[in-house]
Amino acid sequence: MAVAEDLGVEADVVLYMKEPPDRAALENLVKILVDPVEDLVRKDSKFKKLELDADDFVGNPEAVVDILEQHKALLQRPIVVKGNKAIVGRPKDRIAELLG
């Protein structure tokens, strides 16, 4: 991750499509997420193809975990975790704020 390297911070990169987070990891992620929980779900063409309703995920950690467990490609990225805080790393200056 270029932002972490620029800051001189060591970072582990998780290739979530090869090693998707399990339910326990997703549940922990929603607990430590600084952003609204619904921000973890990508609202892209796959989301539309599945005919999902974005309102179903607003403030609903269980629904977010359920959909991400079933459809790992819907996980928003990058997710940056530092200690007991996690953020969606978009825009990328947010990463510098968390890691800096």
N, C-alpha and C. Protein backbone atom coordinates (compact mmCIF):
# COMPACT_ATOMS: atom_id res chain seq x y z
N MET A 1 0.85 -1.18 0.00
CA MET A 1 0.00 0.00 0.00
C MET A 1 0.90 1.23 0.00
N ALA A 2 0.78 2.00 -1.05
CA ALA A 2 1.67 3.14 -1.28
C ALA A 2 1.60 4.18 -0.17
N VAL A 3 0.42 4.47 0.34
CA VAL A 3 0.29 5.49 1.39
C VAL A 3 1.05 5.07 2.63
N ALA A 4 0.92 3.83 3.03
CA ALA A 4 1.64 3.33 4.21
C ALA A 4 3.14 3.41 3.98
N GLU A 5 3.59 3.02 2.79
CA GLU A 5 5.02 3.09 2.48
C GLU A 5 5.52 4.53 2.53
N ASP A 6 4.74 5.47 1.98
CA ASP A 6 5.12 6.88 2.00
C ASP A 6 5.27 7.40 3.43
N LEU A 7 4.47 6.87 4.34
CA LEU A 7 4.52 7.29 5.73
C LEU A 7 5.56 6.52 6.54
N GLY A 8 6.17 5.52 5.90
CA GLY A 8 7.14 4.70 6.61
C GLY A 8 6.50 3.75 7.61
N VAL A 9 5.28 3.36 7.34
CA VAL A 9 4.53 2.48 8.23
C VAL A 9 4.48 1.09 7.62
N GLU A 10 4.80 0.08 8.43
CA GLU A 10 4.68 -1.29 7.95
C GLU A 10 3.21 -1.65 7.87
N ALA A 11 2.85 -2.36 6.81
CA ALA A 11 1.45 -2.72 6.63
C ALA A 11 1.35 -4.13 6.08
N ASP A 12 0.35 -4.85 6.54
CA ASP A 12 0.04 -6.16 5.99
C ASP A 12 -1.07 -5.97 4.98
N VAL A 13 -0.88 -6.51 3.80
CA VAL A 13 -1.91 -6.44 2.77
C VAL A 13 -2.62 -7.78 2.73
N VAL A 14 -3.93 -7.74 2.84
CA VAL A 14 -4.73 -8.96 2.78
C VAL A 14 -5.43 -8.99 1.44
N LEU A 15 -5.18 -10.03 0.68
CA LEU A 15 -5.84 -10.20 -0.61
C LEU A 15 -7.17 -10.91 -0.35
N TYR A 16 -8.19 -10.12 -0.11
CA TYR A 16 -9.46 -10.63 0.40
C TYR A 16 -10.15 -11.60 -0.55
N MET A 17 -9.85 -11.55 -1.85
CA MET A 17 -10.49 -12.50 -2.77
C MET A 17 -9.85 -13.89 -2.63
N LYS A 18 -8.56 -13.93 -2.29
CA LYS A 18 -7.88 -15.21 -2.06
C LYS A 18 -8.07 -15.70 -0.64
N GLU A 19 -8.09 -14.77 0.30
CA GLU A 19 -8.24 -15.09 1.72
C GLU A 19 -9.36 -14.24 2.32
N PRO A 20 -10.61 -14.55 1.98
CA PRO A 20 -11.70 -13.72 2.48
C PRO A 20 -11.84 -13.80 4.00
N PRO A 21 -12.21 -12.69 4.60
CA PRO A 21 -12.41 -12.72 6.05
C PRO A 21 -13.58 -13.63 6.40
N ASP A 22 -13.44 -14.36 7.48
CA ASP A 22 -14.54 -15.21 7.92
C ASP A 22 -15.55 -14.37 8.70
N ARG A 23 -16.61 -14.99 9.13
CA ARG A 23 -17.69 -14.27 9.82
C ARG A 23 -17.16 -13.54 11.07
N ALA A 24 -16.33 -14.20 11.85
CA ALA A 24 -15.80 -13.58 13.07
C ALA A 24 -14.98 -12.34 12.73
N ALA A 25 -14.17 -12.41 11.68
CA ALA A 25 -13.37 -11.25 11.28
C ALA A 25 -14.26 -10.11 10.81
N LEU A 26 -15.31 -10.44 10.05
CA LEU A 26 -16.25 -9.41 9.59
C LEU A 26 -16.98 -8.77 10.77
N GLU A 27 -17.39 -9.59 11.73
CA GLU A 27 -18.08 -9.06 12.91
C GLU A 27 -17.17 -8.13 13.69
N ASN A 28 -15.90 -8.49 13.82
CA ASN A 28 -14.95 -7.61 14.50
C ASN A 28 -14.76 -6.32 13.72
N LEU A 29 -14.67 -6.43 12.41
CA LEU A 29 -14.48 -5.25 11.57
C LEU A 29 -15.62 -4.25 11.75
N VAL A 30 -16.86 -4.72 11.75
CA VAL A 30 -17.97 -3.77 11.91
C VAL A 30 -17.97 -3.14 13.29
N LYS A 31 -17.44 -3.84 14.29
CA LYS A 31 -17.37 -3.28 15.65
C LYS A 31 -16.37 -2.14 15.75
N ILE A 32 -15.26 -2.26 15.01
CA ILE A 32 -14.20 -1.24 15.14
C ILE A 32 -14.23 -0.19 14.04
N LEU A 33 -15.17 -0.34 13.12
CA LEU A 33 -15.27 0.59 12.01
C LEU A 33 -15.69 1.98 12.48
N VAL A 34 -14.92 2.97 12.09
CA VAL A 34 -15.23 4.36 12.42
C VAL A 34 -16.35 4.88 11.52
N ASP A 35 -16.37 4.41 10.29
CA ASP A 35 -17.35 4.84 9.29
C ASP A 35 -18.70 4.16 9.52
N PRO A 36 -19.74 4.67 8.89
CA PRO A 36 -21.03 3.97 8.95
C PRO A 36 -20.86 2.56 8.40
N VAL A 37 -21.47 1.59 9.04
CA VAL A 37 -21.30 0.18 8.69
C VAL A 37 -21.68 -0.11 7.24
N GLU A 38 -22.65 0.59 6.71
CA GLU A 38 -23.08 0.36 5.33
C GLU A 38 -22.00 0.72 4.31
N ASP A 39 -21.01 1.52 4.73
CA ASP A 39 -19.92 1.90 3.83
C ASP A 39 -19.01 0.72 3.48
N LEU A 40 -19.11 -0.38 4.23
CA LEU A 40 -18.31 -1.57 3.92
C LEU A 40 -18.80 -2.30 2.67
N VAL A 41 -20.02 -2.00 2.25
CA VAL A 41 -20.61 -2.70 1.11
C VAL A 41 -20.48 -1.84 -0.15
N ARG A 42 -19.81 -2.40 -1.15
CA ARG A 42 -19.69 -1.70 -2.44
C ARG A 42 -21.04 -1.69 -3.13
N LYS A 43 -21.44 -0.53 -3.60
CA LYS A 43 -22.71 -0.40 -4.34
C LYS A 43 -22.38 -0.32 -5.83
N ASP A 44 -21.86 -1.39 -6.37
CA ASP A 44 -21.40 -1.42 -7.75
C ASP A 44 -22.34 -2.23 -8.64
N SER A 45 -21.86 -2.62 -9.81
CA SER A 45 -22.71 -3.36 -10.75
C SER A 45 -23.13 -4.72 -10.19
N LYS A 46 -22.26 -5.37 -9.41
CA LYS A 46 -22.63 -6.66 -8.80
C LYS A 46 -23.77 -6.43 -7.79
N PHE A 47 -23.68 -5.37 -7.02
CA PHE A 47 -24.72 -5.02 -6.05
C PHE A 47 -26.06 -4.86 -6.78
N LYS A 48 -26.02 -4.13 -7.89
CA LYS A 48 -27.24 -3.92 -8.68
C LYS A 48 -27.73 -5.21 -9.31
N LYS A 49 -26.81 -6.03 -9.80
CA LYS A 49 -27.18 -7.30 -10.41
C LYS A 49 -27.89 -8.21 -9.41
N LEU A 50 -27.46 -8.16 -8.16
CA LEU A 50 -28.09 -8.95 -7.10
C LEU A 50 -29.41 -8.34 -6.63
N GLU A 51 -29.75 -7.16 -7.20
CA GLU A 51 -30.98 -6.45 -6.87
C GLU A 51 -31.10 -6.16 -5.37
N LEU A 52 -29.98 -5.73 -4.80
CA LEU A 52 -29.95 -5.39 -3.38
C LEU A 52 -30.42 -3.95 -3.19
N ASP A 53 -30.89 -3.66 -2.00
CA ASP A 53 -31.36 -2.32 -1.64
C ASP A 53 -30.40 -1.74 -0.61
N ALA A 54 -29.75 -0.65 -0.96
CA ALA A 54 -28.76 -0.02 -0.07
C ALA A 54 -29.34 0.30 1.30
N ASP A 55 -30.62 0.64 1.36
CA ASP A 55 -31.24 0.98 2.64
C ASP A 55 -31.26 -0.19 3.62
N ASP A 56 -31.19 -1.42 3.10
CA ASP A 56 -31.22 -2.59 3.97
C ASP A 56 -29.96 -2.72 4.82
N PHE A 57 -28.91 -1.99 4.47
CA PHE A 57 -27.64 -2.11 5.17
C PHE A 57 -27.34 -0.94 6.09
N VAL A 58 -28.14 0.11 6.01
CA VAL A 58 -27.91 1.31 6.82
C VAL A 58 -28.09 0.98 8.30
N GLY A 59 -27.00 1.15 9.05
CA GLY A 59 -27.05 0.90 10.49
C GLY A 59 -27.36 -0.53 10.85
N ASN A 60 -27.08 -1.47 9.95
CA ASN A 60 -27.45 -2.86 10.16
C ASN A 60 -26.21 -3.76 10.03
N PRO A 61 -25.41 -3.85 11.09
CA PRO A 61 -24.17 -4.64 11.03
C PRO A 61 -24.41 -6.10 10.65
N GLU A 62 -25.46 -6.70 11.14
CA GLU A 62 -25.73 -8.11 10.84
C GLU A 62 -25.98 -8.32 9.34
N ALA A 63 -26.75 -7.43 8.73
CA ALA A 63 -27.01 -7.53 7.29
C ALA A 63 -25.73 -7.33 6.49
N VAL A 64 -24.88 -6.42 6.94
CA VAL A 64 -23.60 -6.17 6.26
C VAL A 64 -22.72 -7.42 6.34
N VAL A 65 -22.61 -7.99 7.51
CA VAL A 65 -21.80 -9.21 7.68
C VAL A 65 -22.37 -10.33 6.81
N ASP A 66 -23.69 -10.50 6.83
CA ASP A 66 -24.32 -11.56 6.04
C ASP A 66 -24.00 -11.42 4.55
N ILE A 67 -24.16 -10.22 4.00
CA ILE A 67 -23.95 -10.04 2.56
C ILE A 67 -22.47 -10.19 2.20
N LEU A 68 -21.58 -9.70 3.06
CA LEU A 68 -20.15 -9.81 2.77
C LEU A 68 -19.65 -11.24 2.92
N GLU A 69 -20.28 -12.00 3.79
CA GLU A 69 -19.92 -13.41 3.93
C GLU A 69 -20.34 -14.19 2.68
N GLN A 70 -21.46 -13.81 2.10
CA GLN A 70 -21.98 -14.49 0.90
C GLN A 70 -21.32 -14.01 -0.39
N HIS A 71 -20.98 -12.72 -0.44
CA HIS A 71 -20.46 -12.10 -1.67
C HIS A 71 -19.23 -11.26 -1.34
N LYS A 72 -18.08 -11.92 -1.23
CA LYS A 72 -16.85 -11.25 -0.81
C LYS A 72 -16.45 -10.10 -1.73
N ALA A 73 -16.85 -10.14 -2.99
CA ALA A 73 -16.49 -9.07 -3.93
C ALA A 73 -17.17 -7.75 -3.58
N LEU A 74 -18.19 -7.79 -2.73
CA LEU A 74 -18.89 -6.56 -2.34
C LEU A 74 -18.17 -5.82 -1.20
N LEU A 75 -17.10 -6.39 -0.67
CA LEU A 75 -16.36 -5.71 0.40
C LEU A 75 -15.67 -4.48 -0.17
N GLN A 76 -16.00 -3.34 0.39
CA GLN A 76 -15.36 -2.08 -0.02
C GLN A 76 -13.87 -2.16 0.28
N ARG A 77 -13.07 -1.51 -0.52
CA ARG A 77 -11.65 -1.53 -0.29
C ARG A 77 -11.01 -0.24 -0.73
N PRO A 78 -9.88 0.06 -0.15
CA PRO A 78 -9.22 -0.70 0.90
C PRO A 78 -9.84 -0.43 2.27
N ILE A 79 -9.72 -1.40 3.13
CA ILE A 79 -10.07 -1.24 4.54
C ILE A 79 -8.73 -1.16 5.27
N VAL A 80 -8.59 -0.15 6.10
CA VAL A 80 -7.35 0.04 6.83
C VAL A 80 -7.65 -0.11 8.32
N VAL A 81 -6.87 -0.97 8.97
CA VAL A 81 -7.05 -1.23 10.39
C VAL A 81 -5.78 -0.84 11.12
N LYS A 82 -5.96 -0.08 12.18
CA LYS A 82 -4.84 0.26 13.06
C LYS A 82 -5.35 0.14 14.49
N GLY A 83 -4.78 -0.80 15.21
CA GLY A 83 -5.22 -1.02 16.59
C GLY A 83 -6.69 -1.41 16.63
N ASN A 84 -7.47 -0.63 17.35
CA ASN A 84 -8.90 -0.94 17.47
C ASN A 84 -9.76 0.02 16.65
N LYS A 85 -9.21 0.50 15.54
CA LYS A 85 -9.96 1.38 14.63
C LYS A 85 -9.80 0.87 13.21
N ALA A 86 -10.88 0.99 12.46
CA ALA A 86 -10.84 0.63 11.03
C ALA A 86 -11.57 1.72 10.25
N ILE A 87 -11.09 1.96 9.04
CA ILE A 87 -11.74 2.92 8.15
C ILE A 87 -11.79 2.36 6.74
N VAL A 88 -12.70 2.90 5.96
CA VAL A 88 -12.67 2.68 4.53
C VAL A 88 -11.66 3.70 4.00
N GLY A 89 -10.65 3.23 3.29
CA GLY A 89 -9.55 4.10 2.86
C GLY A 89 -9.82 4.89 1.60
N ARG A 90 -10.97 5.47 1.50
CA ARG A 90 -11.33 6.33 0.36
C ARG A 90 -11.93 7.60 0.90
N PRO A 91 -11.51 8.74 0.47
CA PRO A 91 -10.34 8.96 -0.36
C PRO A 91 -9.07 8.59 0.40
N LYS A 92 -7.99 8.42 -0.34
CA LYS A 92 -6.79 7.85 0.27
C LYS A 92 -6.13 8.74 1.32
N ASP A 93 -6.45 10.06 1.36
CA ASP A 93 -5.87 10.90 2.43
C ASP A 93 -6.37 10.45 3.81
N ARG A 94 -7.49 9.74 3.84
CA ARG A 94 -8.00 9.23 5.13
C ARG A 94 -7.02 8.22 5.71
N ILE A 95 -6.33 7.50 4.84
CA ILE A 95 -5.36 6.51 5.31
C ILE A 95 -4.23 7.21 6.06
N ALA A 96 -3.73 8.29 5.50
CA ALA A 96 -2.67 9.06 6.14
C ALA A 96 -3.12 9.58 7.49
N GLU A 97 -4.37 10.03 7.58
CA GLU A 97 -4.89 10.52 8.87
C GLU A 97 -4.86 9.42 9.92
N LEU A 98 -5.28 8.21 9.55
CA LEU A 98 -5.34 7.11 10.52
C LEU A 98 -3.94 6.62 10.88
N LEU A 99 -3.07 6.50 9.88
CA LEU A 99 -1.74 5.93 10.13
C LEU A 99 -0.71 6.95 10.58
N GLY A 100 -0.96 8.23 10.26
CA GLY A 100 0.03 9.28 10.52
C GLY A 100 0.21 9.65 11.95
